[in-house]
N, C-alpha and C. Protein backbone atom coordinates (compact mmCIF):
# COMPACT_ATOMS: atom_id res chain seq x y z
N MET A 1 -30.98 -14.54 -8.02
CA MET A 1 -29.73 -14.55 -8.73
C MET A 1 -28.67 -15.22 -7.86
N ALA A 2 -27.96 -16.16 -8.43
CA ALA A 2 -26.94 -16.89 -7.70
C ALA A 2 -25.70 -16.00 -7.48
N THR A 3 -25.05 -16.17 -6.36
CA THR A 3 -23.84 -15.43 -6.06
C THR A 3 -22.69 -16.01 -6.86
N ARG A 4 -21.95 -15.13 -7.52
CA ARG A 4 -20.79 -15.56 -8.29
C ARG A 4 -19.54 -15.40 -7.44
N THR A 5 -18.61 -16.30 -7.63
CA THR A 5 -17.34 -16.24 -6.93
C THR A 5 -16.22 -16.10 -7.95
N VAL A 6 -15.02 -15.94 -7.49
CA VAL A 6 -13.87 -15.83 -8.38
C VAL A 6 -13.73 -17.08 -9.25
N ALA A 7 -14.21 -18.21 -8.77
CA ALA A 7 -14.14 -19.45 -9.55
C ALA A 7 -15.05 -19.40 -10.77
N ASP A 8 -16.04 -18.53 -10.76
CA ASP A 8 -17.01 -18.44 -11.86
C ASP A 8 -16.63 -17.43 -12.93
N ILE A 9 -15.57 -16.70 -12.74
CA ILE A 9 -15.25 -15.57 -13.61
C ILE A 9 -13.91 -15.79 -14.30
N ASP A 10 -13.85 -15.48 -15.60
CA ASP A 10 -12.59 -15.50 -16.33
C ASP A 10 -11.91 -14.15 -16.09
N VAL A 11 -10.81 -14.17 -15.36
CA VAL A 11 -10.13 -12.92 -14.99
C VAL A 11 -8.89 -12.66 -15.82
N SER A 12 -8.64 -13.46 -16.80
CA SER A 12 -7.45 -13.32 -17.63
C SER A 12 -7.34 -11.90 -18.18
N GLY A 13 -6.20 -11.27 -17.89
CA GLY A 13 -5.94 -9.92 -18.39
C GLY A 13 -6.71 -8.82 -17.69
N ARG A 14 -7.45 -9.16 -16.65
CA ARG A 14 -8.28 -8.17 -15.95
C ARG A 14 -7.70 -7.87 -14.58
N LYS A 15 -7.98 -6.66 -14.09
CA LYS A 15 -7.59 -6.28 -12.74
C LYS A 15 -8.66 -6.78 -11.78
N VAL A 16 -8.22 -7.38 -10.70
CA VAL A 16 -9.13 -7.91 -9.69
C VAL A 16 -8.76 -7.28 -8.36
N LEU A 17 -9.72 -6.59 -7.75
CA LEU A 17 -9.53 -6.04 -6.41
C LEU A 17 -10.14 -7.02 -5.42
N MET A 18 -9.32 -7.55 -4.52
CA MET A 18 -9.77 -8.57 -3.58
C MET A 18 -9.51 -8.10 -2.15
N ARG A 19 -10.55 -8.04 -1.37
CA ARG A 19 -10.41 -7.72 0.06
C ARG A 19 -10.07 -9.02 0.78
N VAL A 20 -9.01 -9.00 1.57
CA VAL A 20 -8.58 -10.18 2.32
C VAL A 20 -8.41 -9.79 3.79
N ASP A 21 -8.42 -10.77 4.65
CA ASP A 21 -8.22 -10.54 6.08
C ASP A 21 -6.81 -11.00 6.45
N PHE A 22 -5.87 -10.08 6.35
CA PHE A 22 -4.49 -10.38 6.70
C PHE A 22 -4.12 -9.77 8.05
N ASN A 23 -5.09 -9.61 8.92
CA ASN A 23 -4.87 -9.08 10.26
C ASN A 23 -4.34 -10.23 11.13
N VAL A 24 -3.07 -10.57 10.90
CA VAL A 24 -2.44 -11.72 11.53
C VAL A 24 -1.53 -11.27 12.67
N PRO A 25 -1.25 -12.15 13.62
CA PRO A 25 -0.37 -11.76 14.73
C PRO A 25 1.10 -11.66 14.30
N LEU A 26 1.75 -10.61 14.75
CA LEU A 26 3.18 -10.42 14.53
C LEU A 26 3.87 -10.27 15.88
N LYS A 27 5.08 -10.78 15.94
CA LYS A 27 5.90 -10.59 17.13
C LYS A 27 7.28 -10.17 16.64
N ASN A 28 7.70 -8.98 17.04
CA ASN A 28 8.97 -8.41 16.59
C ASN A 28 9.07 -8.38 15.07
N GLY A 29 7.95 -8.05 14.41
CA GLY A 29 7.92 -7.93 12.95
C GLY A 29 7.86 -9.24 12.20
N VAL A 30 7.68 -10.36 12.92
CA VAL A 30 7.63 -11.68 12.29
C VAL A 30 6.25 -12.28 12.50
N ASN A 31 5.67 -12.80 11.43
CA ASN A 31 4.36 -13.43 11.49
C ASN A 31 4.44 -14.70 12.34
N THR A 32 3.55 -14.81 13.32
CA THR A 32 3.56 -15.98 14.19
C THR A 32 2.44 -16.97 13.87
N ASP A 33 1.50 -16.58 13.02
CA ASP A 33 0.41 -17.47 12.61
C ASP A 33 -0.13 -16.99 11.27
N ASP A 34 0.23 -17.69 10.20
CA ASP A 34 -0.17 -17.26 8.86
C ASP A 34 -1.46 -17.92 8.37
N ASN A 35 -2.27 -18.44 9.28
CA ASN A 35 -3.48 -19.16 8.90
C ASN A 35 -4.41 -18.32 8.01
N ARG A 36 -4.60 -17.06 8.33
CA ARG A 36 -5.49 -16.22 7.52
C ARG A 36 -4.94 -16.00 6.11
N ILE A 37 -3.63 -15.92 6.00
CA ILE A 37 -3.02 -15.79 4.68
C ILE A 37 -3.22 -17.09 3.90
N VAL A 38 -2.95 -18.19 4.54
CA VAL A 38 -3.10 -19.50 3.89
C VAL A 38 -4.54 -19.73 3.44
N GLN A 39 -5.52 -19.31 4.23
CA GLN A 39 -6.92 -19.50 3.86
C GLN A 39 -7.29 -18.73 2.60
N ALA A 40 -6.60 -17.64 2.32
CA ALA A 40 -6.89 -16.84 1.12
C ALA A 40 -6.19 -17.37 -0.13
N LEU A 41 -5.26 -18.29 0.03
CA LEU A 41 -4.45 -18.76 -1.09
C LEU A 41 -5.24 -19.34 -2.27
N PRO A 42 -6.28 -20.15 -2.06
CA PRO A 42 -6.99 -20.68 -3.24
C PRO A 42 -7.54 -19.58 -4.15
N SER A 43 -8.12 -18.56 -3.59
CA SER A 43 -8.66 -17.46 -4.40
C SER A 43 -7.53 -16.67 -5.04
N ILE A 44 -6.47 -16.43 -4.30
CA ILE A 44 -5.32 -15.70 -4.83
C ILE A 44 -4.70 -16.45 -5.99
N ARG A 45 -4.47 -17.74 -5.81
CA ARG A 45 -3.87 -18.55 -6.87
C ARG A 45 -4.77 -18.64 -8.10
N LYS A 46 -6.06 -18.72 -7.88
CA LYS A 46 -7.00 -18.78 -9.00
C LYS A 46 -6.83 -17.57 -9.91
N VAL A 47 -6.74 -16.39 -9.31
CA VAL A 47 -6.60 -15.16 -10.10
C VAL A 47 -5.26 -15.12 -10.82
N ILE A 48 -4.17 -15.38 -10.12
CA ILE A 48 -2.87 -15.26 -10.77
C ILE A 48 -2.62 -16.39 -11.76
N ASP A 49 -3.12 -17.58 -11.48
CA ASP A 49 -2.96 -18.69 -12.43
C ASP A 49 -3.72 -18.45 -13.72
N GLN A 50 -4.82 -17.71 -13.63
CA GLN A 50 -5.60 -17.37 -14.83
C GLN A 50 -5.05 -16.14 -15.55
N GLY A 51 -4.01 -15.53 -15.00
CA GLY A 51 -3.44 -14.35 -15.65
C GLY A 51 -4.12 -13.06 -15.29
N GLY A 52 -4.81 -13.04 -14.16
CA GLY A 52 -5.40 -11.80 -13.68
C GLY A 52 -4.34 -10.94 -13.03
N ARG A 53 -4.64 -9.67 -12.87
CA ARG A 53 -3.76 -8.71 -12.20
C ARG A 53 -4.38 -8.43 -10.85
N LEU A 54 -3.79 -9.01 -9.81
CA LEU A 54 -4.43 -9.05 -8.50
C LEU A 54 -3.98 -7.92 -7.59
N VAL A 55 -4.94 -7.12 -7.14
CA VAL A 55 -4.70 -6.06 -6.16
C VAL A 55 -5.40 -6.49 -4.87
N LEU A 56 -4.62 -6.70 -3.84
CA LEU A 56 -5.15 -7.14 -2.56
C LEU A 56 -5.23 -5.94 -1.61
N MET A 57 -6.26 -5.95 -0.77
CA MET A 57 -6.37 -4.90 0.25
C MET A 57 -6.77 -5.54 1.57
N SER A 58 -6.19 -5.02 2.65
CA SER A 58 -6.46 -5.55 3.98
C SER A 58 -6.20 -4.45 5.01
N HIS A 59 -6.80 -4.64 6.17
CA HIS A 59 -6.44 -3.80 7.30
C HIS A 59 -5.48 -4.61 8.17
N PHE A 60 -4.85 -3.91 9.10
CA PHE A 60 -3.95 -4.59 10.02
C PHE A 60 -3.84 -3.75 11.29
N GLY A 61 -4.24 -4.35 12.39
CA GLY A 61 -4.14 -3.67 13.67
C GLY A 61 -5.08 -2.48 13.78
N ARG A 62 -4.73 -1.57 14.68
CA ARG A 62 -5.55 -0.39 14.91
C ARG A 62 -4.70 0.89 14.90
N PRO A 63 -4.15 1.23 13.72
CA PRO A 63 -3.43 2.51 13.66
C PRO A 63 -4.40 3.67 13.85
N LYS A 64 -3.86 4.85 14.03
CA LYS A 64 -4.68 6.03 14.32
C LYS A 64 -5.49 6.54 13.13
N GLY A 65 -5.18 6.09 11.90
CA GLY A 65 -5.91 6.55 10.72
C GLY A 65 -5.51 7.93 10.27
N VAL A 66 -4.28 8.31 10.57
CA VAL A 66 -3.80 9.64 10.18
C VAL A 66 -2.60 9.54 9.25
N GLY A 67 -2.42 8.40 8.62
CA GLY A 67 -1.29 8.20 7.72
C GLY A 67 -0.45 7.01 8.13
N PHE A 68 0.67 6.85 7.45
CA PHE A 68 1.54 5.70 7.63
C PHE A 68 2.07 5.59 9.06
N GLU A 69 2.02 4.39 9.60
CA GLU A 69 2.62 4.06 10.90
C GLU A 69 3.38 2.75 10.71
N ALA A 70 4.69 2.81 10.78
CA ALA A 70 5.56 1.66 10.48
C ALA A 70 5.16 0.39 11.23
N ALA A 71 4.72 0.54 12.47
CA ALA A 71 4.36 -0.64 13.28
C ALA A 71 3.17 -1.40 12.70
N TYR A 72 2.39 -0.75 11.84
CA TYR A 72 1.20 -1.38 11.26
C TYR A 72 1.34 -1.60 9.76
N SER A 73 2.55 -1.56 9.25
CA SER A 73 2.77 -1.80 7.82
C SER A 73 2.50 -3.26 7.48
N LEU A 74 2.04 -3.49 6.27
CA LEU A 74 1.79 -4.85 5.79
C LEU A 74 3.04 -5.48 5.16
N GLN A 75 4.20 -4.85 5.30
CA GLN A 75 5.43 -5.37 4.71
C GLN A 75 5.71 -6.83 5.11
N PRO A 76 5.64 -7.19 6.41
CA PRO A 76 5.91 -8.60 6.76
C PRO A 76 4.90 -9.56 6.13
N ILE A 77 3.67 -9.11 5.97
CA ILE A 77 2.64 -9.96 5.37
C ILE A 77 2.91 -10.12 3.88
N ALA A 78 3.33 -9.05 3.21
CA ALA A 78 3.67 -9.13 1.79
C ALA A 78 4.82 -10.12 1.58
N GLU A 79 5.81 -10.07 2.47
CA GLU A 79 6.94 -10.99 2.37
C GLU A 79 6.50 -12.43 2.55
N ARG A 80 5.64 -12.68 3.54
CA ARG A 80 5.17 -14.05 3.78
C ARG A 80 4.32 -14.55 2.61
N LEU A 81 3.44 -13.70 2.11
CA LEU A 81 2.61 -14.09 0.97
C LEU A 81 3.48 -14.41 -0.24
N SER A 82 4.51 -13.63 -0.46
CA SER A 82 5.43 -13.87 -1.57
C SER A 82 6.08 -15.25 -1.45
N GLN A 83 6.45 -15.63 -0.24
CA GLN A 83 7.02 -16.96 -0.02
C GLN A 83 6.00 -18.05 -0.34
N LEU A 84 4.77 -17.84 0.11
CA LEU A 84 3.74 -18.86 -0.07
C LEU A 84 3.33 -19.06 -1.53
N ILE A 85 3.29 -17.97 -2.30
CA ILE A 85 2.87 -18.11 -3.70
C ILE A 85 4.07 -18.22 -4.64
N GLU A 86 5.26 -18.12 -4.07
CA GLU A 86 6.51 -18.28 -4.81
C GLU A 86 6.61 -17.32 -5.99
N LYS A 87 6.22 -16.07 -5.73
CA LYS A 87 6.39 -15.01 -6.72
C LYS A 87 6.35 -13.69 -5.98
N PRO A 88 6.91 -12.64 -6.59
CA PRO A 88 6.96 -11.35 -5.90
C PRO A 88 5.56 -10.78 -5.61
N VAL A 89 5.45 -10.19 -4.45
CA VAL A 89 4.26 -9.42 -4.07
C VAL A 89 4.76 -8.01 -3.81
N VAL A 90 4.26 -7.07 -4.59
CA VAL A 90 4.68 -5.67 -4.46
C VAL A 90 3.78 -5.00 -3.43
N LEU A 91 4.40 -4.37 -2.44
CA LEU A 91 3.64 -3.63 -1.44
C LEU A 91 3.42 -2.22 -1.96
N GLY A 92 2.19 -1.77 -1.91
CA GLY A 92 1.85 -0.43 -2.37
C GLY A 92 2.48 0.64 -1.50
N PRO A 93 2.42 1.89 -1.98
CA PRO A 93 3.02 3.00 -1.24
C PRO A 93 2.29 3.29 0.07
N ALA A 94 2.98 4.00 0.95
CA ALA A 94 2.42 4.34 2.26
C ALA A 94 1.13 5.13 2.14
N GLU A 95 1.03 5.97 1.13
CA GLU A 95 -0.22 6.68 0.87
C GLU A 95 -1.09 5.74 0.05
N VAL A 96 -2.01 5.08 0.72
CA VAL A 96 -2.78 3.98 0.13
C VAL A 96 -3.54 4.40 -1.12
N VAL A 97 -4.17 5.56 -1.07
CA VAL A 97 -4.96 6.07 -2.19
C VAL A 97 -4.25 7.27 -2.77
N GLY A 98 -4.04 7.27 -4.08
CA GLY A 98 -3.40 8.42 -4.69
C GLY A 98 -2.71 8.07 -5.99
N ALA A 99 -2.02 9.05 -6.53
CA ALA A 99 -1.39 8.91 -7.85
C ALA A 99 -0.35 7.80 -7.89
N GLU A 100 0.43 7.65 -6.82
CA GLU A 100 1.46 6.59 -6.79
C GLU A 100 0.82 5.21 -6.90
N THR A 101 -0.24 5.00 -6.14
CA THR A 101 -0.93 3.71 -6.17
C THR A 101 -1.56 3.49 -7.54
N GLU A 102 -2.18 4.51 -8.10
CA GLU A 102 -2.79 4.39 -9.43
C GLU A 102 -1.75 4.02 -10.47
N LYS A 103 -0.58 4.64 -10.41
CA LYS A 103 0.50 4.34 -11.36
C LYS A 103 0.98 2.90 -11.19
N LEU A 104 1.14 2.47 -9.96
CA LEU A 104 1.58 1.10 -9.68
C LEU A 104 0.59 0.09 -10.27
N VAL A 105 -0.68 0.29 -10.02
CA VAL A 105 -1.71 -0.63 -10.51
C VAL A 105 -1.79 -0.58 -12.04
N ALA A 106 -1.69 0.59 -12.61
CA ALA A 106 -1.76 0.73 -14.07
C ALA A 106 -0.60 0.00 -14.76
N GLY A 107 0.52 -0.12 -14.09
CA GLY A 107 1.69 -0.78 -14.68
C GLY A 107 1.76 -2.28 -14.47
N MET A 108 0.73 -2.85 -13.86
CA MET A 108 0.74 -4.29 -13.59
C MET A 108 0.64 -5.10 -14.88
N LYS A 109 1.25 -6.27 -14.86
CA LYS A 109 1.16 -7.22 -15.97
C LYS A 109 0.37 -8.44 -15.50
N ASP A 110 -0.09 -9.24 -16.43
CA ASP A 110 -0.86 -10.44 -16.10
C ASP A 110 -0.08 -11.30 -15.11
N GLY A 111 -0.76 -11.73 -14.04
CA GLY A 111 -0.15 -12.57 -13.01
C GLY A 111 0.52 -11.80 -11.89
N ASP A 112 0.62 -10.47 -12.02
CA ASP A 112 1.23 -9.66 -10.96
C ASP A 112 0.33 -9.58 -9.74
N VAL A 113 0.97 -9.38 -8.58
CA VAL A 113 0.24 -9.22 -7.32
C VAL A 113 0.74 -7.96 -6.62
N VAL A 114 -0.20 -7.09 -6.27
CA VAL A 114 0.09 -5.90 -5.48
C VAL A 114 -0.74 -6.00 -4.21
N LEU A 115 -0.10 -5.77 -3.08
CA LEU A 115 -0.80 -5.68 -1.81
C LEU A 115 -0.79 -4.22 -1.41
N LEU A 116 -1.96 -3.60 -1.38
CA LEU A 116 -2.04 -2.21 -0.95
C LEU A 116 -1.61 -2.12 0.51
N GLU A 117 -1.01 -1.01 0.87
CA GLU A 117 -0.63 -0.80 2.27
C GLU A 117 -1.91 -0.77 3.11
N ASN A 118 -1.75 -0.91 4.38
CA ASN A 118 -2.84 -1.02 5.35
C ASN A 118 -3.93 0.03 5.09
N VAL A 119 -5.14 -0.42 4.78
CA VAL A 119 -6.22 0.52 4.48
C VAL A 119 -6.60 1.37 5.69
N ARG A 120 -6.23 0.95 6.87
CA ARG A 120 -6.52 1.75 8.06
C ARG A 120 -5.60 2.96 8.20
N PHE A 121 -4.67 3.12 7.26
CA PHE A 121 -3.87 4.35 7.22
C PHE A 121 -4.69 5.49 6.63
N ILE A 122 -5.82 5.17 6.01
CA ILE A 122 -6.69 6.16 5.40
C ILE A 122 -7.59 6.74 6.50
N ALA A 123 -7.68 8.06 6.58
CA ALA A 123 -8.57 8.69 7.56
C ALA A 123 -9.98 8.16 7.35
N GLY A 124 -10.65 7.80 8.43
CA GLY A 124 -12.00 7.29 8.34
C GLY A 124 -12.08 5.78 8.26
N GLU A 125 -10.96 5.10 8.11
CA GLU A 125 -10.94 3.63 8.01
C GLU A 125 -10.43 2.98 9.29
N THR A 126 -10.73 3.56 10.41
CA THR A 126 -10.18 3.04 11.67
C THR A 126 -10.97 1.89 12.26
N MET A 127 -12.15 1.63 11.77
CA MET A 127 -12.97 0.56 12.36
C MET A 127 -12.99 -0.66 11.51
């Protein structure tokens, strides 16, 4: 069976969960090399251009895995991605998994982009 990619699927009106590698270097809260974000852009644009509802997930750094840690928030990455795709990117709540996140995703419209907060904030996701 051939491997299918996002290019092979009609995602119009569908929710798409995409794991991305946004573990990029930051200095004083500013991204110093957005290469990993840029490399993900073709897949990201494919989904939003087709009218998919894109939920992105990534880890960032090595937080303790005991909940939100401001130093490891994906907020600067969400801001940079928003600039690159020229549309809003909503950052998910600090509690990555839960009712707030479910409500946010359920309320998405076609073409919307949500970046879940750092998955390493979840206990057990430290590696």
